[in-house]
C-alpha cells in the first residue's frame, strides 16, 4: 500500500547538490514525487510509494550527501495522491 510524506529539510542543504542527491535516492527506491529549494534555506520534498521505502529515504535525508550538513528533518505523513509519475526537481 502506497502512502506519501511531505518533508522539510533544514541545515546546509542548498548549493551542495542536495536536490540532485535526493532525486537519485528516490529513483533508486522507486519513489515518485518532487524536491525543491525554499527561499528560507530549507529543502522541501514529497515522496510517494511504499511506506518502508519512504522511511528509508527519510533516514537518508537525515544524513544527506557528504557535503551537506543536515540539522533537522520534519515529516508530515499523508495519503498518496498518485499524481506523480516520476521524481522531479522543481524550480
N, C-alpha and C. Protein backbone atom coordinates (compact mmCIF):
# COMPACT_ATOMS: atom_id res chain seq x y z
N UNK A 1 0.84 -1.19 0.00
CA UNK A 1 0.00 0.00 0.00
C UNK A 1 0.88 1.25 0.00
N UNK A 2 0.59 2.15 -0.89
CA UNK A 2 1.38 3.37 -1.00
C UNK A 2 0.87 4.47 -0.09
N UNK A 3 1.80 5.32 0.30
CA UNK A 3 1.50 6.47 1.13
C UNK A 3 2.33 7.64 0.64
N UNK A 4 2.27 8.75 1.34
CA UNK A 4 3.01 9.95 0.93
C UNK A 4 3.58 10.63 2.16
N UNK A 5 4.73 11.24 1.99
CA UNK A 5 5.35 12.03 3.06
C UNK A 5 5.77 13.38 2.50
N UNK A 6 5.38 14.44 3.20
CA UNK A 6 5.79 15.81 2.87
C UNK A 6 6.91 16.15 3.85
N UNK A 7 8.09 16.44 3.31
CA UNK A 7 9.30 16.54 4.12
C UNK A 7 9.96 17.90 3.95
N UNK A 8 10.44 18.45 5.08
CA UNK A 8 11.20 19.69 5.08
C UNK A 8 12.55 19.41 5.72
N UNK A 9 13.64 19.77 5.02
CA UNK A 9 14.99 19.51 5.49
C UNK A 9 15.67 20.84 5.77
N UNK A 10 16.21 20.98 6.98
CA UNK A 10 16.85 22.22 7.40
C UNK A 10 18.34 21.98 7.64
N UNK A 11 19.16 22.97 7.30
CA UNK A 11 20.61 22.89 7.52
C UNK A 11 21.35 23.42 6.30
N UNK A 12 22.56 22.95 6.11
CA UNK A 12 23.36 23.30 4.93
C UNK A 12 22.94 22.37 3.80
N UNK A 13 21.81 22.70 3.16
CA UNK A 13 21.24 21.80 2.16
C UNK A 13 21.01 22.47 0.81
N UNK A 14 21.41 23.72 0.66
CA UNK A 14 21.32 24.38 -0.63
C UNK A 14 22.72 24.71 -1.11
N UNK A 15 22.91 24.57 -2.43
CA UNK A 15 24.22 24.84 -3.01
C UNK A 15 25.20 23.69 -2.83
N UNK A 16 24.68 22.53 -2.44
CA UNK A 16 25.54 21.36 -2.22
C UNK A 16 25.01 20.13 -2.99
N UNK A 17 24.21 20.39 -4.03
CA UNK A 17 23.62 19.33 -4.87
C UNK A 17 22.70 18.40 -4.10
N UNK A 18 22.10 18.91 -3.02
CA UNK A 18 21.21 18.09 -2.20
C UNK A 18 19.99 17.62 -3.00
N UNK A 19 19.39 18.50 -3.80
CA UNK A 19 18.21 18.11 -4.58
C UNK A 19 18.53 17.01 -5.57
N UNK A 20 19.66 17.11 -6.24
CA UNK A 20 20.06 16.08 -7.19
C UNK A 20 20.28 14.75 -6.46
N UNK A 21 20.90 14.82 -5.31
CA UNK A 21 21.14 13.63 -4.50
C UNK A 21 19.81 12.99 -4.07
N UNK A 22 18.84 13.84 -3.64
CA UNK A 22 17.53 13.32 -3.24
C UNK A 22 16.85 12.63 -4.41
N UNK A 23 16.87 13.26 -5.59
CA UNK A 23 16.25 12.64 -6.76
C UNK A 23 16.87 11.29 -7.06
N UNK A 24 18.19 11.20 -7.02
CA UNK A 24 18.88 9.94 -7.27
C UNK A 24 18.46 8.87 -6.28
N UNK A 25 18.40 9.23 -4.99
CA UNK A 25 17.99 8.27 -3.95
C UNK A 25 16.54 7.83 -4.16
N UNK A 26 15.66 8.78 -4.47
CA UNK A 26 14.24 8.47 -4.68
C UNK A 26 14.06 7.54 -5.87
N UNK A 27 14.77 7.82 -6.95
CA UNK A 27 14.66 6.97 -8.14
C UNK A 27 15.17 5.57 -7.86
N UNK A 28 16.26 5.44 -7.12
CA UNK A 28 16.79 4.12 -6.75
C UNK A 28 15.78 3.30 -5.94
N UNK A 29 14.98 4.00 -5.13
CA UNK A 29 13.99 3.33 -4.29
C UNK A 29 12.63 3.17 -4.99
N UNK A 30 12.51 3.69 -6.20
CA UNK A 30 11.26 3.57 -6.95
C UNK A 30 10.16 4.50 -6.47
N UNK A 31 10.54 5.61 -5.84
CA UNK A 31 9.57 6.57 -5.33
C UNK A 31 9.25 7.63 -6.37
N UNK A 32 8.07 8.21 -6.27
CA UNK A 32 7.70 9.34 -7.11
C UNK A 32 7.56 10.57 -6.23
N UNK A 33 7.48 11.75 -6.87
CA UNK A 33 7.32 12.99 -6.13
C UNK A 33 8.18 14.10 -6.68
N UNK A 34 8.63 14.98 -5.79
CA UNK A 34 9.42 16.14 -6.21
C UNK A 34 10.25 16.66 -5.05
N UNK A 35 11.23 17.52 -5.40
CA UNK A 35 12.08 18.18 -4.40
C UNK A 35 12.38 19.58 -4.91
N UNK A 36 12.45 20.56 -3.98
CA UNK A 36 12.77 21.93 -4.39
C UNK A 36 13.40 22.68 -3.23
N UNK A 37 14.12 23.76 -3.58
CA UNK A 37 14.67 24.68 -2.59
C UNK A 37 13.58 25.67 -2.17
N UNK A 38 13.62 26.07 -0.91
CA UNK A 38 12.74 27.12 -0.41
C UNK A 38 13.55 28.38 -0.18
N UNK A 39 12.91 29.52 -0.21
CA UNK A 39 13.61 30.80 -0.05
C UNK A 39 14.19 30.97 1.35
N UNK A 40 13.71 30.21 2.33
CA UNK A 40 14.24 30.32 3.70
C UNK A 40 15.45 29.43 3.95
N UNK A 41 15.95 28.78 2.90
CA UNK A 41 17.16 27.94 3.03
C UNK A 41 16.89 26.47 3.22
N UNK A 42 15.63 26.10 3.43
CA UNK A 42 15.30 24.68 3.57
C UNK A 42 15.09 24.04 2.21
N UNK A 43 15.04 22.71 2.21
CA UNK A 43 14.65 21.94 1.05
C UNK A 43 13.33 21.26 1.39
N UNK A 44 12.40 21.26 0.45
CA UNK A 44 11.09 20.64 0.62
C UNK A 44 10.97 19.50 -0.37
N UNK A 45 10.36 18.40 0.05
CA UNK A 45 10.18 17.26 -0.84
C UNK A 45 8.88 16.54 -0.53
N UNK A 46 8.33 15.90 -1.55
CA UNK A 46 7.19 15.00 -1.39
C UNK A 46 7.61 13.66 -1.98
N UNK A 47 7.43 12.61 -1.18
CA UNK A 47 7.74 11.25 -1.61
C UNK A 47 6.46 10.43 -1.59
N UNK A 48 6.23 9.64 -2.65
CA UNK A 48 5.11 8.72 -2.68
C UNK A 48 5.61 7.34 -3.04
N UNK A 49 5.06 6.34 -2.36
CA UNK A 49 5.42 4.96 -2.62
C UNK A 49 5.18 4.13 -1.37
N UNK A 50 5.78 2.93 -1.32
CA UNK A 50 5.62 2.08 -0.15
C UNK A 50 6.22 2.74 1.10
N UNK A 51 5.53 2.60 2.23
CA UNK A 51 5.95 3.28 3.46
C UNK A 51 7.37 2.93 3.86
N UNK A 52 7.77 1.66 3.70
CA UNK A 52 9.13 1.27 4.10
C UNK A 52 10.18 1.96 3.26
N UNK A 53 9.90 2.18 1.97
CA UNK A 53 10.84 2.88 1.09
C UNK A 53 10.90 4.37 1.44
N UNK A 54 9.76 4.95 1.80
CA UNK A 54 9.74 6.36 2.21
C UNK A 54 10.50 6.52 3.52
N UNK A 55 10.30 5.61 4.44
CA UNK A 55 11.06 5.68 5.70
C UNK A 55 12.56 5.57 5.43
N UNK A 56 12.93 4.75 4.46
CA UNK A 56 14.35 4.60 4.10
C UNK A 56 14.91 5.92 3.55
N UNK A 57 14.17 6.59 2.67
CA UNK A 57 14.70 7.83 2.12
C UNK A 57 14.70 8.94 3.17
N UNK A 58 13.74 8.94 4.08
CA UNK A 58 13.76 9.93 5.16
C UNK A 58 15.02 9.76 6.00
N UNK A 59 15.36 8.52 6.31
CA UNK A 59 16.60 8.26 7.06
C UNK A 59 17.83 8.73 6.28
N UNK A 60 17.82 8.53 4.97
CA UNK A 60 18.92 9.02 4.13
C UNK A 60 18.97 10.55 4.14
N UNK A 61 17.80 11.19 4.10
CA UNK A 61 17.73 12.66 4.10
C UNK A 61 18.29 13.25 5.38
N UNK A 62 18.20 12.52 6.48
CA UNK A 62 18.73 12.99 7.75
C UNK A 62 20.25 13.06 7.73
N UNK A 63 20.86 12.32 6.83
CA UNK A 63 22.32 12.32 6.68
C UNK A 63 22.73 13.18 5.50
N UNK A 64 22.09 12.96 4.35
CA UNK A 64 22.37 13.72 3.14
C UNK A 64 23.68 13.33 2.50
N UNK A 65 24.04 14.01 1.41
CA UNK A 65 25.33 13.77 0.77
C UNK A 65 26.46 14.29 1.67
N UNK A 66 27.66 13.86 1.40
CA UNK A 66 28.80 14.18 2.28
C UNK A 66 29.06 15.68 2.43
N UNK A 67 28.68 16.49 1.45
CA UNK A 67 28.94 17.94 1.52
C UNK A 67 27.82 18.71 2.22
N UNK A 68 26.73 18.04 2.57
CA UNK A 68 25.61 18.69 3.24
C UNK A 68 25.78 18.65 4.75
N UNK A 69 25.03 19.48 5.43
CA UNK A 69 25.01 19.49 6.89
C UNK A 69 23.57 19.57 7.37
N UNK A 70 22.91 18.43 7.43
CA UNK A 70 21.50 18.39 7.82
C UNK A 70 21.38 18.58 9.33
N UNK A 71 20.48 19.50 9.71
CA UNK A 71 20.24 19.75 11.13
C UNK A 71 18.92 19.17 11.60
N UNK A 72 17.90 19.18 10.75
CA UNK A 72 16.58 18.76 11.17
C UNK A 72 15.75 18.34 9.97
N UNK A 73 14.96 17.28 10.13
CA UNK A 73 14.04 16.82 9.10
C UNK A 73 12.64 16.72 9.70
N UNK A 74 11.71 17.45 9.13
CA UNK A 74 10.30 17.42 9.57
C UNK A 74 9.51 16.60 8.56
N UNK A 75 8.67 15.69 9.06
CA UNK A 75 7.90 14.80 8.18
C UNK A 75 6.42 14.91 8.52
N UNK A 76 5.61 15.06 7.47
CA UNK A 76 4.15 15.05 7.61
C UNK A 76 3.62 13.94 6.70
N UNK A 77 3.05 12.91 7.29
CA UNK A 77 2.51 11.80 6.53
C UNK A 77 1.14 12.15 5.98
N UNK A 78 0.87 11.71 4.74
CA UNK A 78 -0.40 11.98 4.07
C UNK A 78 -0.82 10.77 3.27
N UNK A 79 -2.02 10.82 2.74
CA UNK A 79 -2.48 9.78 1.82
C UNK A 79 -1.81 10.02 0.46
N UNK A 80 -1.50 8.96 -0.23
CA UNK A 80 -0.91 9.07 -1.57
C UNK A 80 -1.94 9.66 -2.53
N UNK A 81 -1.47 10.57 -3.39
CA UNK A 81 -2.35 11.18 -4.38
C UNK A 81 -2.23 10.50 -5.74
N UNK A 82 -1.15 9.81 -5.97
CA UNK A 82 -0.87 9.13 -7.24
C UNK A 82 -0.80 10.10 -8.42
N UNK A 83 -0.52 11.38 -8.12
CA UNK A 83 -0.44 12.38 -9.20
C UNK A 83 0.94 12.44 -9.83
N UNK A 84 1.92 11.80 -9.24
CA UNK A 84 3.29 11.85 -9.74
C UNK A 84 3.61 10.59 -10.54
N UNK A 85 4.29 10.78 -11.67
CA UNK A 85 4.68 9.63 -12.48
C UNK A 85 6.17 9.36 -12.41
N UNK A 86 6.92 10.29 -11.88
CA UNK A 86 8.36 10.15 -11.73
C UNK A 86 8.80 10.99 -10.55
N UNK A 87 10.09 11.29 -10.49
CA UNK A 87 10.59 12.15 -9.42
C UNK A 87 11.30 13.35 -10.05
N UNK A 88 10.81 14.54 -9.73
CA UNK A 88 11.28 15.76 -10.38
C UNK A 88 11.97 16.72 -9.41
N UNK A 89 12.89 17.50 -9.94
CA UNK A 89 13.46 18.63 -9.23
C UNK A 89 12.67 19.85 -9.70
N UNK A 90 11.97 20.49 -8.78
CA UNK A 90 11.20 21.68 -9.12
C UNK A 90 12.02 22.93 -8.90
N UNK A 91 11.74 23.95 -9.64
CA UNK A 91 12.45 25.22 -9.54
C UNK A 91 11.65 26.22 -8.76
